[in-house]
Amino acid sequence: MTLRKTDIIKSIQDQTGLRQNRSTDIFESVLEIIKQSLEKGETVQISGFGKFCILEKNARRGRNPYTSESLMIAPRKIVTFRFSQKLKESLNTQ
């Protein structure tokens, strides 16, 4: 099963008793805070859940799989997620 954005908003609505538009605003605000922090290069750590980190990848030589042509892949930033020990333990005890 895939957990979608609408499922999370519905769960917030059910658990808090807030209206759907208010639940949507809260969820969108949380996502925006996380996004802005990551754009600044900051690590986002959520206690008991995990942390989102920015890693910088260097330029490297790659290959187009369709044409086998060699090319240079530009340097870029990626987001990684490392789950907390508490989450790891809860996943492995079920």
PDB file of N, CA and C in Angstrom:
ATOM      1  N   MET A   1       0.838  -1.174   0.000  1.00  0.00           N
ATOM      2  CA  MET A   1       0.000   0.000   0.000  1.00  0.00           C
ATOM      3  C   MET A   1       0.888   1.244   0.000  1.00  0.00           C
ATOM      4  N   THR A   2       0.509   2.212  -0.769  1.00  0.00           N
ATOM      5  CA  THR A   2       1.225   3.476  -0.839  1.00  0.00           C
ATOM      6  C   THR A   2       0.498   4.508   0.006  1.00  0.00           C
ATOM      7  N   LEU A   3       1.236   5.206   0.836  1.00  0.00           N
ATOM      8  CA  LEU A   3       0.669   6.269   1.656  1.00  0.00           C
ATOM      9  C   LEU A   3       0.797   7.563   0.869  1.00  0.00           C
ATOM     10  N   ARG A   4      -0.334   8.121   0.483  1.00  0.00           N
ATOM     11  CA  ARG A   4      -0.349   9.335  -0.318  1.00  0.00           C
ATOM     12  C   ARG A   4      -0.581  10.564   0.554  1.00  0.00           C
ATOM     13  N   LYS A   5      -0.332  11.701  -0.036  1.00  0.00           N
ATOM     14  CA  LYS A   5      -0.513  12.974   0.648  1.00  0.00           C
ATOM     15  C   LYS A   5      -1.950  13.118   1.166  1.00  0.00           C
ATOM     16  N   THR A   6      -2.920  12.740   0.362  1.00  0.00           N
ATOM     17  CA  THR A   6      -4.327  12.845   0.779  1.00  0.00           C
ATOM     18  C   THR A   6      -4.624  11.921   1.958  1.00  0.00           C
ATOM     19  N   ASP A   7      -3.956  10.776   2.017  1.00  0.00           N
ATOM     20  CA  ASP A   7      -4.142   9.857   3.144  1.00  0.00           C
ATOM     21  C   ASP A   7      -3.619  10.475   4.443  1.00  0.00           C
ATOM     22  N   ILE A   8      -2.480  11.151   4.349  1.00  0.00           N
ATOM     23  CA  ILE A   8      -1.906  11.791   5.536  1.00  0.00           C
ATOM     24  C   ILE A   8      -2.812  12.923   6.004  1.00  0.00           C
ATOM     25  N   ILE A   9      -3.306  13.730   5.072  1.00  0.00           N
ATOM     26  CA  ILE A   9      -4.200  14.837   5.415  1.00  0.00           C
ATOM     27  C   ILE A   9      -5.472  14.308   6.061  1.00  0.00           C
ATOM     28  N   LYS A  10      -6.025  13.238   5.523  1.00  0.00           N
ATOM     29  CA  LYS A  10      -7.236  12.624   6.085  1.00  0.00           C
ATOM     30  C   LYS A  10      -6.960  12.107   7.496  1.00  0.00           C
ATOM     31  N   SER A  11      -5.790  11.530   7.716  1.00  0.00           N
ATOM     32  CA  SER A  11      -5.430  11.030   9.039  1.00  0.00           C
ATOM     33  C   SER A  11      -5.295  12.178  10.038  1.00  0.00           C
ATOM     34  N   ILE A  12      -4.682  13.288   9.620  1.00  0.00           N
ATOM     35  CA  ILE A  12      -4.587  14.469  10.484  1.00  0.00           C
ATOM     36  C   ILE A  12      -5.985  14.957  10.845  1.00  0.00           C
ATOM     37  N   GLN A  13      -6.837  15.006   9.851  1.00  0.00           N
ATOM     38  CA  GLN A  13      -8.227  15.452  10.054  1.00  0.00           C
ATOM     39  C   GLN A  13      -8.944  14.543  11.035  1.00  0.00           C
ATOM     40  N   ASP A  14      -8.818  13.247  10.886  1.00  0.00           N
ATOM     41  CA  ASP A  14      -9.493  12.284  11.767  1.00  0.00           C
ATOM     42  C   ASP A  14      -8.965  12.345  13.205  1.00  0.00           C
ATOM     43  N   GLN A  15      -7.652  12.492  13.355  1.00  0.00           N
ATOM     44  CA  GLN A  15      -7.047  12.465  14.687  1.00  0.00           C
ATOM     45  C   GLN A  15      -7.203  13.764  15.462  1.00  0.00           C
ATOM     46  N   THR A  16      -7.334  14.877  14.748  1.00  0.00           N
ATOM     47  CA  THR A  16      -7.408  16.163  15.438  1.00  0.00           C
ATOM     48  C   THR A  16      -8.800  16.779  15.439  1.00  0.00           C
ATOM     49  N   GLY A  17      -9.662  16.324  14.536  1.00  0.00           N
ATOM     50  CA  GLY A  17     -10.993  16.901  14.440  1.00  0.00           C
ATOM     51  C   GLY A  17     -11.020  18.225  13.684  1.00  0.00           C
ATOM     52  N   LEU A  18      -9.901  18.578  13.061  1.00  0.00           N
ATOM     53  CA  LEU A  18      -9.853  19.812  12.280  1.00  0.00           C
ATOM     54  C   LEU A  18     -10.532  19.618  10.928  1.00  0.00           C
ATOM     55  N   ARG A  19     -10.921  20.715  10.324  1.00  0.00           N
ATOM     56  CA  ARG A  19     -11.504  20.644   8.982  1.00  0.00           C
ATOM     57  C   ARG A  19     -10.422  20.268   7.972  1.00  0.00           C
ATOM     58  N   GLN A  20     -10.873  19.776   6.816  1.00  0.00           N
ATOM     59  CA  GLN A  20      -9.926  19.310   5.805  1.00  0.00           C
ATOM     60  C   GLN A  20      -9.013  20.426   5.314  1.00  0.00           C
ATOM     61  N   ASN A  21      -9.553  21.625   5.099  1.00  0.00           N
ATOM     62  CA  ASN A  21      -8.689  22.700   4.596  1.00  0.00           C
ATOM     63  C   ASN A  21      -7.637  23.106   5.629  1.00  0.00           C
ATOM     64  N   ARG A  22      -7.968  23.057   6.905  1.00  0.00           N
ATOM     65  CA  ARG A  22      -7.010  23.380   7.971  1.00  0.00           C
ATOM     66  C   ARG A  22      -5.945  22.287   8.077  1.00  0.00           C
ATOM     67  N   SER A  23      -6.375  21.021   7.971  1.00  0.00           N
ATOM     68  CA  SER A  23      -5.433  19.898   7.996  1.00  0.00           C
ATOM     69  C   SER A  23      -4.480  19.981   6.810  1.00  0.00           C
ATOM     70  N   THR A  24      -4.996  20.352   5.659  1.00  0.00           N
ATOM     71  CA  THR A  24      -4.169  20.512   4.462  1.00  0.00           C
ATOM     72  C   THR A  24      -3.150  21.621   4.668  1.00  0.00           C
ATOM     73  N   ASP A  25      -3.586  22.753   5.226  1.00  0.00           N
ATOM     74  CA  ASP A  25      -2.677  23.875   5.483  1.00  0.00           C
ATOM     75  C   ASP A  25      -1.548  23.479   6.427  1.00  0.00           C
ATOM     76  N   ILE A  26      -1.880  22.737   7.475  1.00  0.00           N
ATOM     77  CA  ILE A  26      -0.868  22.305   8.442  1.00  0.00           C
ATOM     78  C   ILE A  26       0.159  21.392   7.771  1.00  0.00           C
ATOM     79  N   PHE A  27      -0.330  20.415   7.020  1.00  0.00           N
ATOM     80  CA  PHE A  27       0.567  19.476   6.358  1.00  0.00           C
ATOM     81  C   PHE A  27       1.444  20.186   5.330  1.00  0.00           C
ATOM     82  N   GLU A  28       0.857  21.075   4.542  1.00  0.00           N
ATOM     83  CA  GLU A  28       1.620  21.827   3.544  1.00  0.00           C
ATOM     84  C   GLU A  28       2.673  22.704   4.218  1.00  0.00           C
ATOM     85  N   SER A  29       2.345  23.273   5.377  1.00  0.00           N
ATOM     86  CA  SER A  29       3.301  24.102   6.118  1.00  0.00           C
ATOM     87  C   SER A  29       4.492  23.271   6.589  1.00  0.00           C
ATOM     88  N   VAL A  30       4.227  22.081   7.100  1.00  0.00           N
ATOM     89  CA  VAL A  30       5.316  21.201   7.550  1.00  0.00           C
ATOM     90  C   VAL A  30       6.217  20.844   6.378  1.00  0.00           C
ATOM     91  N   LEU A  31       5.639  20.480   5.244  1.00  0.00           N
ATOM     92  CA  LEU A  31       6.437  20.146   4.065  1.00  0.00           C
ATOM     93  C   LEU A  31       7.256  21.340   3.596  1.00  0.00           C
ATOM     94  N   GLU A  32       6.679  22.528   3.646  1.00  0.00           N
ATOM     95  CA  GLU A  32       7.377  23.736   3.211  1.00  0.00           C
ATOM     96  C   GLU A  32       8.558  24.046   4.131  1.00  0.00           C
ATOM     97  N   ILE A  33       8.381  23.866   5.434  1.00  0.00           N
ATOM     98  CA  ILE A  33       9.475  24.086   6.389  1.00  0.00           C
ATOM     99  C   ILE A  33      10.619  23.122   6.107  1.00  0.00           C
ATOM    100  N   ILE A  34      10.295  21.856   5.883  1.00  0.00           N
ATOM    101  CA  ILE A  34      11.321  20.855   5.570  1.00  0.00           C
ATOM    102  C   ILE A  34      12.028  21.223   4.268  1.00  0.00           C
ATOM    103  N   LYS A  35      11.253  21.582   3.250  1.00  0.00           N
ATOM    104  CA  LYS A  35      11.818  21.930   1.944  1.00  0.00           C
ATOM    105  C   LYS A  35      12.750  23.135   2.051  1.00  0.00           C
ATOM    106  N   GLN A  36      12.338  24.180   2.741  1.00  0.00           N
ATOM    107  CA  GLN A  36      13.166  25.379   2.877  1.00  0.00           C
ATOM    108  C   GLN A  36      14.458  25.084   3.640  1.00  0.00           C
ATOM    109  N   SER A  37      14.373  24.265   4.661  1.00  0.00           N
ATOM    110  CA  SER A  37      15.569  23.903   5.423  1.00  0.00           C
ATOM    111  C   SER A  37      16.551  23.126   4.557  1.00  0.00           C
ATOM    112  N   LEU A  38      16.046  22.197   3.774  1.00  0.00           N
ATOM    113  CA  LEU A  38      16.915  21.415   2.893  1.00  0.00           C
ATOM    114  C   LEU A  38      17.537  22.298   1.815  1.00  0.00           C
ATOM    115  N   GLU A  39      16.765  23.254   1.291  1.00  0.00           N
ATOM    116  CA  GLU A  39      17.301  24.165   0.278  1.00  0.00           C
ATOM    117  C   GLU A  39      18.447  25.005   0.834  1.00  0.00           C
ATOM    118  N   LYS A  40      18.416  25.302   2.133  1.00  0.00           N
ATOM    119  CA  LYS A  40      19.492  26.050   2.780  1.00  0.00           C
ATOM    120  C   LYS A  40      20.699  25.160   3.078  1.00  0.00           C
ATOM    121  N   GLY A  41      20.559  23.865   2.860  1.00  0.00           N
ATOM    122  CA  GLY A  41      21.639  22.928   3.135  1.00  0.00           C
ATOM    123  C   GLY A  41      21.635  22.408   4.556  1.00  0.00           C
ATOM    124  N   GLU A  42      20.575  22.646   5.287  1.00  0.00           N
ATOM    125  CA  GLU A  42      20.473  22.206   6.673  1.00  0.00           C
ATOM    126  C   GLU A  42      19.968  20.766   6.739  1.00  0.00           C
ATOM    127  N   THR A  43      20.360  20.076   7.797  1.00  0.00           N
ATOM    128  CA  THR A  43      19.843  18.739   8.068  1.00  0.00           C
ATOM    129  C   THR A  43      18.532  18.893   8.826  1.00  0.00           C
ATOM    130  N   VAL A  44      17.538  18.087   8.463  1.00  0.00           N
ATOM    131  CA  VAL A  44      16.246  18.111   9.150  1.00  0.00           C
ATOM    132  C   VAL A  44      16.140  16.826   9.955  1.00  0.00           C
ATOM    133  N   GLN A  45      16.150  16.962  11.273  1.00  0.00           N
ATOM    134  CA  GLN A  45      16.082  15.798  12.155  1.00  0.00           C
ATOM    135  C   GLN A  45      14.761  15.809  12.900  1.00  0.00           C
ATOM    136  N   ILE A  46      14.012  14.720  12.762  1.00  0.00           N
ATOM    137  CA  ILE A  46      12.733  14.560  13.443  1.00  0.00           C
ATOM    138  C   ILE A  46      12.923  13.455  14.474  1.00  0.00           C
ATOM    139  N   SER A  47      12.912  13.840  15.745  1.00  0.00           N
ATOM    140  CA  SER A  47      13.191  12.916  16.830  1.00  0.00           C
ATOM    141  C   SER A  47      12.253  11.708  16.783  1.00  0.00           C
ATOM    142  N   GLY A  48      12.813  10.526  16.899  1.00  0.00           N
ATOM    143  CA  GLY A  48      12.038   9.295  16.897  1.00  0.00           C
ATOM    144  C   GLY A  48      11.637   8.825  15.509  1.00  0.00           C
ATOM    145  N   PHE A  49      12.006   9.582  14.475  1.00  0.00           N
ATOM    146  CA  PHE A  49      11.647   9.220  13.102  1.00  0.00           C
ATOM    147  C   PHE A  49      12.886   9.060  12.238  1.00  0.00           C
ATOM    148  N   GLY A  50      13.678  10.123  12.115  1.00  0.00           N
ATOM    149  CA  GLY A  50      14.889  10.053  11.313  1.00  0.00           C
ATOM    150  C   GLY A  50      15.345  11.431  10.903  1.00  0.00           C
ATOM    151  N   LYS A  51      16.328  11.453   9.986  1.00  0.00           N
ATOM    152  CA  LYS A  51      16.805  12.748   9.529  1.00  0.00           C
ATOM    153  C   LYS A  51      17.040  12.750   8.021  1.00  0.00           C
ATOM    154  N   PHE A  52      16.755  13.916   7.447  1.00  0.00           N
ATOM    155  CA  PHE A  52      16.981  14.166   6.035  1.00  0.00           C
ATOM    156  C   PHE A  52      18.266  14.966   5.917  1.00  0.00           C
ATOM    157  N   CYS A  53      19.180  14.508   5.071  1.00  0.00           N
ATOM    158  CA  CYS A  53      20.467  15.170   4.893  1.00  0.00           C
ATOM    159  C   CYS A  53      20.690  15.477   3.419  1.00  0.00           C
ATOM    160  N   ILE A  54      21.469  16.531   3.170  1.00  0.00           N
ATOM    161  CA  ILE A  54      21.867  16.885   1.815  1.00  0.00           C
ATOM    162  C   ILE A  54      23.276  16.356   1.582  1.00  0.00           C
ATOM    163  N   LEU A  55      23.465  15.628   0.499  1.00  0.00           N
ATOM    164  CA  LEU A  55      24.788  15.166   0.099  1.00  0.00           C
ATOM    165  C   LEU A  55      25.124  15.791  -1.246  1.00  0.00           C
ATOM    166  N   GLU A  56      26.371  16.170  -1.412  1.00  0.00           N
ATOM    167  CA  GLU A  56      26.808  16.719  -2.689  1.00  0.00           C
ATOM    168  C   GLU A  56      27.572  15.640  -3.441  1.00  0.00           C
ATOM    169  N   LYS A  57      27.127  15.400  -4.665  1.00  0.00           N
ATOM    170  CA  LYS A  57      27.794  14.407  -5.508  1.00  0.00           C
ATOM    171  C   LYS A  57      28.676  15.146  -6.507  1.00  0.00           C
ATOM    172  N   ASN A  58      29.877  14.663  -6.686  1.00  0.00           N
ATOM    173  CA  ASN A  58      30.815  15.269  -7.625  1.00  0.00           C
ATOM    174  C   ASN A  58      30.446  14.914  -9.058  1.00  0.00           C
ATOM    175  N   ALA A  59      31.005  15.674  -9.992  1.00  0.00           N
ATOM    176  CA  ALA A  59      30.833  15.339 -11.409  1.00  0.00           C
ATOM    177  C   ALA A  59      31.502  13.994 -11.661  1.00  0.00           C
ATOM    178  N   ARG A  60      30.936  13.235 -12.569  1.00  0.00           N
ATOM    179  CA  ARG A  60      31.524  11.928 -12.880  1.00  0.00           C
ATOM    180  C   ARG A  60      31.217  11.547 -14.323  1.00  0.00           C
ATOM    181  N   ARG A  61      31.973  10.609 -14.802  1.00  0.00           N
ATOM    182  CA  ARG A  61      31.766  10.128 -16.158  1.00  0.00           C
ATOM    183  C   ARG A  61      30.637   9.088 -16.127  1.00  0.00           C
ATOM    184  N   GLY A  62      29.728   9.208 -17.072  1.00  0.00           N
ATOM    185  CA  GLY A  62      28.617   8.277 -17.173  1.00  0.00           C
ATOM    186  C   GLY A  62      28.481   7.766 -18.596  1.00  0.00           C
ATOM    187  N   ARG A  63      27.431   6.993 -18.812  1.00  0.00           N
ATOM    188  CA  ARG A  63      27.204   6.422 -20.135  1.00  0.00           C
ATOM    189  C   ARG A  63      25.718   6.396 -20.407  1.00  0.00           C
ATOM    190  N   ASN A  64      25.326   6.856 -21.587  1.00  0.00           N
ATOM    191  CA  ASN A  64      23.938   6.775 -22.012  1.00  0.00           C
ATOM    192  C   ASN A  64      23.620   5.307 -22.300  1.00  0.00           C
ATOM    193  N   PRO A  65      22.675   4.696 -21.583  1.00  0.00           N
ATOM    194  CA  PRO A  65      22.415   3.269 -21.757  1.00  0.00           C
ATOM    195  C   PRO A  65      21.815   2.917 -23.120  1.00  0.00           C
ATOM    196  N   TYR A  66      21.210   3.889 -23.789  1.00  0.00           N
ATOM    197  CA  TYR A  66      20.591   3.614 -25.090  1.00  0.00           C
ATOM    198  C   TYR A  66      21.597   3.679 -26.233  1.00  0.00           C
ATOM    199  N   THR A  67      22.516   4.651 -26.164  1.00  0.00           N
ATOM    200  CA  THR A  67      23.461   4.847 -27.263  1.00  0.00           C
ATOM    201  C   THR A  67      24.883   4.427 -26.912  1.00  0.00           C
ATOM    202  N   SER A  68      25.143   4.106 -25.661  1.00  0.00           N
ATOM    203  CA  SER A  68      26.472   3.767 -25.144  1.00  0.00           C
ATOM    204  C   SER A  68      27.451   4.935 -25.262  1.00  0.00           C
ATOM    205  N   GLU A  69      26.924   6.120 -25.507  1.00  0.00           N
ATOM    206  CA  GLU A  69      27.756   7.309 -25.617  1.00  0.00           C
ATOM    207  C   GLU A  69      28.237   7.737 -24.229  1.00  0.00           C
ATOM    208  N   SER A  70      29.514   8.078 -24.136  1.00  0.00           N
ATOM    209  CA  SER A  70      30.099   8.532 -22.874  1.00  0.00           C
ATOM    210  C   SER A  70      29.738  10.000 -22.664  1.00  0.00           C
ATOM    211  N   LEU A  71      29.441  10.372 -21.407  1.00  0.00           N
ATOM    212  CA  LEU A  71      29.090  11.748 -21.107  1.00  0.00           C
ATOM    213  C   LEU A  71      29.487  12.075 -19.687  1.00  0.00           C
ATOM    214  N   MET A  72      29.525  13.365 -19.374  1.00  0.00           N
ATOM    215  CA  MET A  72      29.840  13.809 -18.017  1.00  0.00           C
ATOM    216  C   MET A  72      28.538  14.145 -17.294  1.00  0.00           C
ATOM    217  N   ILE A  73      28.368  13.586 -16.105  1.00  0.00           N
ATOM    218  CA  ILE A  73      27.207  13.874 -15.268  1.00  0.00           C
ATOM    219  C   ILE A  73      27.602  15.032 -14.357  1.00  0.00           C
ATOM    220  N   ALA A  74      26.802  16.080 -14.372  1.00  0.00           N
ATOM    221  CA  ALA A  74      27.112  17.306 -13.622  1.00  0.00           C
ATOM    222  C   ALA A  74      27.060  17.056 -12.118  1.00  0.00           C
ATOM    223  N   PRO A  75      27.798  17.855 -11.355  1.00  0.00           N
ATOM    224  CA  PRO A  75      27.694  17.738  -9.893  1.00  0.00           C
ATOM    225  C   PRO A  75      26.290  18.128  -9.450  1.00  0.00           C
ATOM    226  N   ARG A  76      25.813  17.503  -8.378  1.00  0.00           N
ATOM    227  CA  ARG A  76      24.442  17.773  -7.936  1.00  0.00           C
ATOM    228  C   ARG A  76      24.303  17.468  -6.462  1.00  0.00           C
ATOM    229  N   LYS A  77      23.210  17.930  -5.915  1.00  0.00           N
ATOM    230  CA  LYS A  77      22.882  17.654  -4.518  1.00  0.00           C
ATOM    231  C   LYS A  77      21.746  16.639  -4.491  1.00  0.00           C
ATOM    232  N   ILE A  78      21.798  15.742  -3.513  1.00  0.00           N
ATOM    233  CA  ILE A  78      20.728  14.765  -3.337  1.00  0.00           C
ATOM    234  C   ILE A  78      20.291  14.772  -1.876  1.00  0.00           C
ATOM    235  N   VAL A  79      19.072  14.331  -1.642  1.00  0.00           N
ATOM    236  CA  VAL A  79      18.540  14.220  -0.285  1.00  0.00           C
ATOM    237  C   VAL A  79      18.580  12.746   0.106  1.00  0.00           C
ATOM    238  N   THR A  80      19.109  12.484   1.298  1.00  0.00           N
ATOM    239  CA  THR A  80      19.097  11.125   1.825  1.00  0.00           C
ATOM    240  C   THR A  80      18.291  11.114   3.117  1.00  0.00           C
ATOM    241  N   PHE A  81      17.791   9.947   3.466  1.00  0.00           N
ATOM    242  CA  PHE A  81      17.042   9.790   4.708  1.00  0.00           C
ATOM    243  C   PHE A  81      17.653   8.657   5.502  1.00  0.00           C
ATOM    244  N   ARG A  82      17.922   8.914   6.765  1.00  0.00           N
ATOM    245  CA  ARG A  82      18.409   7.885   7.685  1.00  0.00           C
ATOM    246  C   ARG A  82      17.411   7.778   8.817  1.00  0.00           C
ATOM    247  N   PHE A  83      16.829   6.607   8.980  1.00  0.00           N
ATOM    248  CA  PHE A  83      15.822   6.457  10.027  1.00  0.00           C
ATOM    249  C   PHE A  83      16.465   6.325  11.385  1.00  0.00           C
ATOM    250  N   SER A  84      15.706   6.711  12.415  1.00  0.00           N
ATOM    251  CA  SER A  84      16.238   6.705  13.782  1.00  0.00           C
ATOM    252  C   SER A  84      16.305   5.281  14.321  1.00  0.00           C
ATOM    253  N   GLN A  85      17.071   5.121  15.369  1.00  0.00           N
ATOM    254  CA  GLN A  85      17.179   3.817  16.026  1.00  0.00           C
ATOM    255  C   GLN A  85      15.822   3.381  16.565  1.00  0.00           C
ATOM    256  N   LYS A  86      15.056   4.331  17.088  1.00  0.00           N
ATOM    257  CA  LYS A  86      13.733   4.033  17.625  1.00  0.00           C
ATOM    258  C   LYS A  86      12.800   3.496  16.536  1.00  0.00           C
ATOM    259  N   LEU A  87      12.822   4.112  15.352  1.00  0.00           N
ATOM    260  CA  LEU A  87      12.003   3.637  14.237  1.00  0.00           C
ATOM    261  C   LEU A  87      12.489   2.271  13.756  1.00  0.00           C
ATOM    262  N   LYS A  88      13.794   2.116  13.692  1.00  0.00           N
ATOM    263  CA  LYS A  88      14.382   0.839  13.269  1.00  0.00           C
ATOM    264  C   LYS A  88      13.928  -0.290  14.188  1.00  0.00           C
ATOM    265  N   GLU A  89      13.965  -0.029  15.508  1.00  0.00           N
ATOM    266  CA  GLU A  89      13.553  -1.051  16.464  1.00  0.00           C
ATOM    267  C   GLU A  89      12.062  -1.373  16.322  1.00  0.00           C
ATOM    268  N   SER A  90      11.234  -0.356  16.114  1.00  0.00           N
ATOM    269  CA  SER A  90       9.793  -0.613  15.994  1.00  0.00           C
ATOM    270  C   SER A  90       9.467  -1.383  14.718  1.00  0.00           C
ATOM    271  N   LEU A  91      10.236  -1.163  13.652  1.00  0.00           N
ATOM    272  CA  LEU A  91      10.020  -1.897  12.403  1.00  0.00           C
ATOM    273  C   LEU A  91      10.435  -3.352  12.544  1.00  0.00           C
ATOM    274  N   ASN A  92      11.471  -3.611  13.319  1.00  0.00           N
ATOM    275  CA  ASN A  92      12.008  -4.959  13.436  1.00  0.00           C
ATOM    276  C   ASN A  92      11.354  -5.778  14.545  1.00  0.00           C
ATOM    277  N   THR A  93      10.482  -5.199  15.364  1.00  0.00           N
ATOM    278  CA  THR A  93       9.821  -5.973  16.399  1.00  0.00           C
ATOM    279  C   THR A  93       8.445  -6.458  15.971  1.00  0.00           C
ATOM    280  N   GLN A  94       7.979  -6.003  14.835  1.00  0.00           N
ATOM    281  CA  GLN A  94       6.631  -6.401  14.384  1.00  0.00           C
ATOM    282  C   GLN A  94       6.670  -7.650  13.540  1.00  0.00           C
TER     283      GLN A  94
END
